[in-house]
Amino acid sequence: MTRGSEYGITVLRVTLGAVFVLHGYAAFFVFTPAGLTAFNASKGIPLPAITAWFIIGGHFAGGAMLLLGFLTRVGALLHVAIMGGAVYFVHLTQGFFLHGIIVDAAAGKAIVGGFEYALVLLLASLAVLLTGSGPVAVDSWRR
């Protein structure tokens, strides 16, 4: 692996970590655990309450692991599972490309559909899982 590619994986890891911590924040404080549980149930996701807490905890803890490069592969594995579920249970039937789906025309409410973004996060998490943390990480200092 070249020096540049080592730092490239660090950039990817830190970016994913920031994105996932913010997803955890949104899941807990904006959608709320009860709202996420109801959403999971509406999508037929097994054990919706347990899954909601797994998603919230996985995004917060796994995102922090990725940000710091601490137990990087564990953090990435959590997100491979979470984003794999998001692609399969939520976004796969919406088509590939991101697009708006109107949920309440009178109120002007829409959601984003399509699985391309979730798939990119899934595959980026898989790349970090396979590659590791890179040189600027707590993991590299522990070796």
C-alpha atoms as a PDB file:
ATOM      1  CA  MET A   1       0.000   0.000   0.000  1.00  0.00           C
ATOM      2  CA  THR A   2       1.383   3.413  -0.902  1.00  0.00           C
ATOM      3  CA  ARG A   3       1.640   6.278   1.581  1.00  0.00           C
ATOM      4  CA  GLY A   4      -1.084   8.188  -0.285  1.00  0.00           C
ATOM      5  CA  SER A   5      -3.537   5.294  -0.169  1.00  0.00           C
ATOM      6  CA  GLU A   6      -2.897   4.866   3.562  1.00  0.00           C
ATOM      7  CA  TYR A   7      -3.968   8.463   4.113  1.00  0.00           C
ATOM      8  CA  GLY A   8      -6.833   8.033   1.668  1.00  0.00           C
ATOM      9  CA  ILE A   9      -8.396   5.329   3.830  1.00  0.00           C
ATOM     10  CA  THR A  10      -7.962   7.642   6.833  1.00  0.00           C
ATOM     11  CA  VAL A  11      -9.951  10.361   5.056  1.00  0.00           C
ATOM     12  CA  LEU A  12     -12.675   7.849   4.181  1.00  0.00           C
ATOM     13  CA  ARG A  13     -12.770   6.468   7.739  1.00  0.00           C
ATOM     14  CA  VAL A  14     -13.017   9.888   9.407  1.00  0.00           C
ATOM     15  CA  THR A  15     -15.680  11.064   6.942  1.00  0.00           C
ATOM     16  CA  LEU A  16     -17.772   7.941   7.523  1.00  0.00           C
ATOM     17  CA  GLY A  17     -17.370   8.346  11.269  1.00  0.00           C
ATOM     18  CA  ALA A  18     -18.671  11.915  11.165  1.00  0.00           C
ATOM     19  CA  VAL A  19     -21.607  10.941   8.931  1.00  0.00           C
ATOM     20  CA  PHE A  20     -22.582   8.036  11.171  1.00  0.00           C
ATOM     21  CA  VAL A  21     -22.321   9.975  14.445  1.00  0.00           C
ATOM     22  CA  LEU A  22     -24.650  12.570  12.918  1.00  0.00           C
ATOM     23  CA  HIS A  23     -27.006   9.775  11.829  1.00  0.00           C
ATOM     24  CA  GLY A  24     -27.027   8.560  15.429  1.00  0.00           C
ATOM     25  CA  TYR A  25     -27.828  12.073  16.634  1.00  0.00           C
ATOM     26  CA  ALA A  26     -30.699  12.378  14.146  1.00  0.00           C
ATOM     27  CA  ALA A  27     -32.054   8.935  15.004  1.00  0.00           C
ATOM     28  CA  PHE A  28     -32.068   9.654  18.740  1.00  0.00           C
ATOM     29  CA  PHE A  29     -32.970  13.340  18.965  1.00  0.00           C
ATOM     30  CA  VAL A  30     -34.944  14.032  15.772  1.00  0.00           C
ATOM     31  CA  PHE A  31     -36.717  10.799  14.858  1.00  0.00           C
ATOM     32  CA  THR A  32     -36.616   9.518  18.471  1.00  0.00           C
ATOM     33  CA  PRO A  33     -36.326   5.867  19.480  1.00  0.00           C
ATOM     34  CA  ALA A  34     -40.134   5.515  19.460  1.00  0.00           C
ATOM     35  CA  GLY A  35     -40.353   7.029  15.979  1.00  0.00           C
ATOM     36  CA  LEU A  36     -37.570   4.804  14.666  1.00  0.00           C
ATOM     37  CA  THR A  37     -39.247   1.766  16.224  1.00  0.00           C
ATOM     38  CA  ALA A  38     -42.526   2.645  14.474  1.00  0.00           C
ATOM     39  CA  PHE A  39     -40.691   3.180  11.184  1.00  0.00           C
ATOM     40  CA  ASN A  40     -38.901  -0.170  11.531  1.00  0.00           C
ATOM     41  CA  ALA A  41     -42.221  -1.895  12.187  1.00  0.00           C
ATOM     42  CA  SER A  42     -43.783  -0.228   9.126  1.00  0.00           C
ATOM     43  CA  LYS A  43     -40.962  -1.585   6.944  1.00  0.00           C
ATOM     44  CA  GLY A  44     -41.240  -5.115   8.328  1.00  0.00           C
ATOM     45  CA  ILE A  45     -37.845  -4.990  10.013  1.00  0.00           C
ATOM     46  CA  PRO A  46     -37.590  -7.815  12.560  1.00  0.00           C
ATOM     47  CA  LEU A  47     -37.629  -6.882  16.259  1.00  0.00           C
ATOM     48  CA  PRO A  48     -38.266  -3.190  15.528  1.00  0.00           C
ATOM     49  CA  ALA A  49     -37.540  -1.821  19.027  1.00  0.00           C
ATOM     50  CA  ILE A  50     -34.322  -3.798  19.453  1.00  0.00           C
ATOM     51  CA  THR A  51     -33.288  -2.900  15.921  1.00  0.00           C
ATOM     52  CA  ALA A  52     -33.970   0.798  16.586  1.00  0.00           C
ATOM     53  CA  TRP A  53     -31.660   0.777  19.591  1.00  0.00           C
ATOM     54  CA  PHE A  54     -29.052  -1.214  17.636  1.00  0.00           C
ATOM     55  CA  ILE A  55     -29.160   1.413  14.873  1.00  0.00           C
ATOM     56  CA  ILE A  56     -28.893   4.326  17.333  1.00  0.00           C
ATOM     57  CA  GLY A  57     -26.121   2.728  19.397  1.00  0.00           C
ATOM     58  CA  GLY A  58     -24.326   1.437  16.329  1.00  0.00           C
ATOM     59  CA  HIS A  59     -24.328   4.837  14.682  1.00  0.00           C
ATOM     60  CA  PHE A  60     -23.108   6.635  17.813  1.00  0.00           C
ATOM     61  CA  ALA A  61     -20.551   4.076  19.030  1.00  0.00           C
ATOM     62  CA  GLY A  62     -19.499   2.750  15.646  1.00  0.00           C
ATOM     63  CA  GLY A  63     -19.255   6.266  14.236  1.00  0.00           C
ATOM     64  CA  ALA A  64     -17.059   7.332  17.150  1.00  0.00           C
ATOM     65  CA  MET A  65     -14.871   4.251  16.611  1.00  0.00           C
ATOM     66  CA  LEU A  66     -14.422   5.240  12.979  1.00  0.00           C
ATOM     67  CA  LEU A  67     -13.729   8.892  13.832  1.00  0.00           C
ATOM     68  CA  LEU A  68     -11.009   7.948  16.307  1.00  0.00           C
ATOM     69  CA  GLY A  69      -9.732   4.905  14.474  1.00  0.00           C
ATOM     70  CA  PHE A  70     -10.297   2.870  17.647  1.00  0.00           C
ATOM     71  CA  LEU A  71     -11.448  -0.713  17.037  1.00  0.00           C
ATOM     72  CA  THR A  72     -11.984   0.486  13.485  1.00  0.00           C
ATOM     73  CA  ARG A  73     -12.995  -2.842  12.022  1.00  0.00           C
ATOM     74  CA  VAL A  74     -15.647  -3.330  14.729  1.00  0.00           C
ATOM     75  CA  GLY A  75     -17.098   0.113  13.965  1.00  0.00           C
ATOM     76  CA  ALA A  76     -17.062  -0.639  10.245  1.00  0.00           C
ATOM     77  CA  LEU A  77     -18.685  -4.049  10.778  1.00  0.00           C
ATOM     78  CA  LEU A  78     -21.521  -2.447  12.744  1.00  0.00           C
ATOM     79  CA  HIS A  79     -22.168  -0.164   9.800  1.00  0.00           C
ATOM     80  CA  VAL A  80     -21.967  -2.925   7.223  1.00  0.00           C
ATOM     81  CA  ALA A  81     -24.835  -4.576   9.129  1.00  0.00           C
ATOM     82  CA  ILE A  82     -26.827  -1.347   9.622  1.00  0.00           C
ATOM     83  CA  MET A  83     -26.426  -0.089   6.063  1.00  0.00           C
ATOM     84  CA  GLY A  84     -27.011  -3.556   4.610  1.00  0.00           C
ATOM     85  CA  GLY A  85     -30.331  -3.572   6.449  1.00  0.00           C
ATOM     86  CA  ALA A  86     -31.102  -0.045   5.243  1.00  0.00           C
ATOM     87  CA  VAL A  87     -30.496  -1.018   1.623  1.00  0.00           C
ATOM     88  CA  TYR A  88     -32.469  -4.257   1.857  1.00  0.00           C
ATOM     89  CA  PHE A  89     -35.412  -3.321   4.073  1.00  0.00           C
ATOM     90  CA  VAL A  90     -35.889   0.380   3.315  1.00  0.00           C
ATOM     91  CA  HIS A  91     -34.400   1.577   0.046  1.00  0.00           C
ATOM     92  CA  LEU A  92     -34.137  -1.336  -2.410  1.00  0.00           C
ATOM     93  CA  THR A  93     -37.706  -1.032  -3.702  1.00  0.00           C
ATOM     94  CA  GLN A  94     -37.300   2.732  -4.262  1.00  0.00           C
ATOM     95  CA  GLY A  95     -34.966   2.336  -7.247  1.00  0.00           C
ATOM     96  CA  PHE A  96     -31.289   3.188  -7.558  1.00  0.00           C
ATOM     97  CA  PHE A  97     -31.170   6.967  -7.963  1.00  0.00           C
ATOM     98  CA  LEU A  98     -31.907   9.403  -5.151  1.00  0.00           C
ATOM     99  CA  HIS A  99     -35.210  11.191  -5.681  1.00  0.00           C
ATOM    100  CA  GLY A 100     -37.896  12.905  -3.660  1.00  0.00           C
ATOM    101  CA  ILE A 101     -40.944  10.959  -2.537  1.00  0.00           C
ATOM    102  CA  ILE A 102     -43.872  13.156  -1.534  1.00  0.00           C
ATOM    103  CA  VAL A 103     -45.422  11.880   1.699  1.00  0.00           C
ATOM    104  CA  ASP A 104     -47.783  14.783   2.391  1.00  0.00           C
ATOM    105  CA  ALA A 105     -48.405  17.111  -0.549  1.00  0.00           C
ATOM    106  CA  ALA A 106     -50.626  19.491   1.433  1.00  0.00           C
ATOM    107  CA  ALA A 107     -47.887  20.053   4.029  1.00  0.00           C
ATOM    108  CA  GLY A 108     -45.119  20.007   1.429  1.00  0.00           C
ATOM    109  CA  LYS A 109     -43.384  17.065   3.102  1.00  0.00           C
ATOM    110  CA  ALA A 110     -41.165  14.722   1.155  1.00  0.00           C
ATOM    111  CA  ILE A 111     -38.506  12.138   1.904  1.00  0.00           C
ATOM    112  CA  VAL A 112     -35.509  11.055  -0.110  1.00  0.00           C
ATOM    113  CA  GLY A 113     -35.807   7.657  -1.769  1.00  0.00           C
ATOM    114  CA  GLY A 114     -33.447   5.461  -3.731  1.00  0.00           C
ATOM    115  CA  PHE A 115     -30.689   3.165  -2.530  1.00  0.00           C
ATOM    116  CA  GLU A 116     -27.581   4.733  -4.096  1.00  0.00           C
ATOM    117  CA  TYR A 117     -26.540   6.747  -1.005  1.00  0.00           C
ATOM    118  CA  ALA A 118     -27.154   3.850   1.410  1.00  0.00           C
ATOM    119  CA  LEU A 119     -25.237   1.542  -0.947  1.00  0.00           C
ATOM    120  CA  VAL A 120     -22.272   3.941  -1.067  1.00  0.00           C
ATOM    121  CA  LEU A 121     -22.197   4.071   2.754  1.00  0.00           C
ATOM    122  CA  LEU A 122     -22.439   0.263   2.889  1.00  0.00           C
ATOM    123  CA  LEU A 123     -19.587  -0.256   0.422  1.00  0.00           C
ATOM    124  CA  ALA A 124     -17.420   2.465   1.982  1.00  0.00           C
ATOM    125  CA  SER A 125     -17.901   0.769   5.370  1.00  0.00           C
ATOM    126  CA  LEU A 126     -16.944  -2.549   3.764  1.00  0.00           C
ATOM    127  CA  ALA A 127     -13.790  -0.927   2.317  1.00  0.00           C
ATOM    128  CA  VAL A 128     -12.782   0.315   5.777  1.00  0.00           C
ATOM    129  CA  LEU A 129     -13.588  -3.105   7.276  1.00  0.00           C
ATOM    130  CA  LEU A 130     -11.291  -4.795   4.746  1.00  0.00           C
ATOM    131  CA  THR A 131      -8.527  -2.160   4.788  1.00  0.00           C
ATOM    132  CA  GLY A 132      -8.339  -1.070   8.414  1.00  0.00           C
ATOM    133  CA  SER A 133      -7.872   2.303  10.025  1.00  0.00           C
ATOM    134  CA  GLY A 134      -4.921   3.852   8.200  1.00  0.00           C
ATOM    135  CA  PRO A 135      -1.897   5.521   9.818  1.00  0.00           C
ATOM    136  CA  VAL A 136      -3.624   8.325  11.742  1.00  0.00           C
ATOM    137  CA  ALA A 137      -5.652   6.294  14.227  1.00  0.00           C
ATOM    138  CA  VAL A 138      -5.657   5.027  17.779  1.00  0.00           C
ATOM    139  CA  ASP A 139      -5.420   1.508  16.308  1.00  0.00           C
ATOM    140  CA  SER A 140      -2.064   2.299  14.691  1.00  0.00           C
ATOM    141  CA  TRP A 141      -0.654   3.523  18.019  1.00  0.00           C
ATOM    142  CA  ARG A 142      -1.778   0.330  19.769  1.00  0.00           C
ATOM    143  CA  ARG A 143       0.318  -1.924  17.476  1.00  0.00           C
END
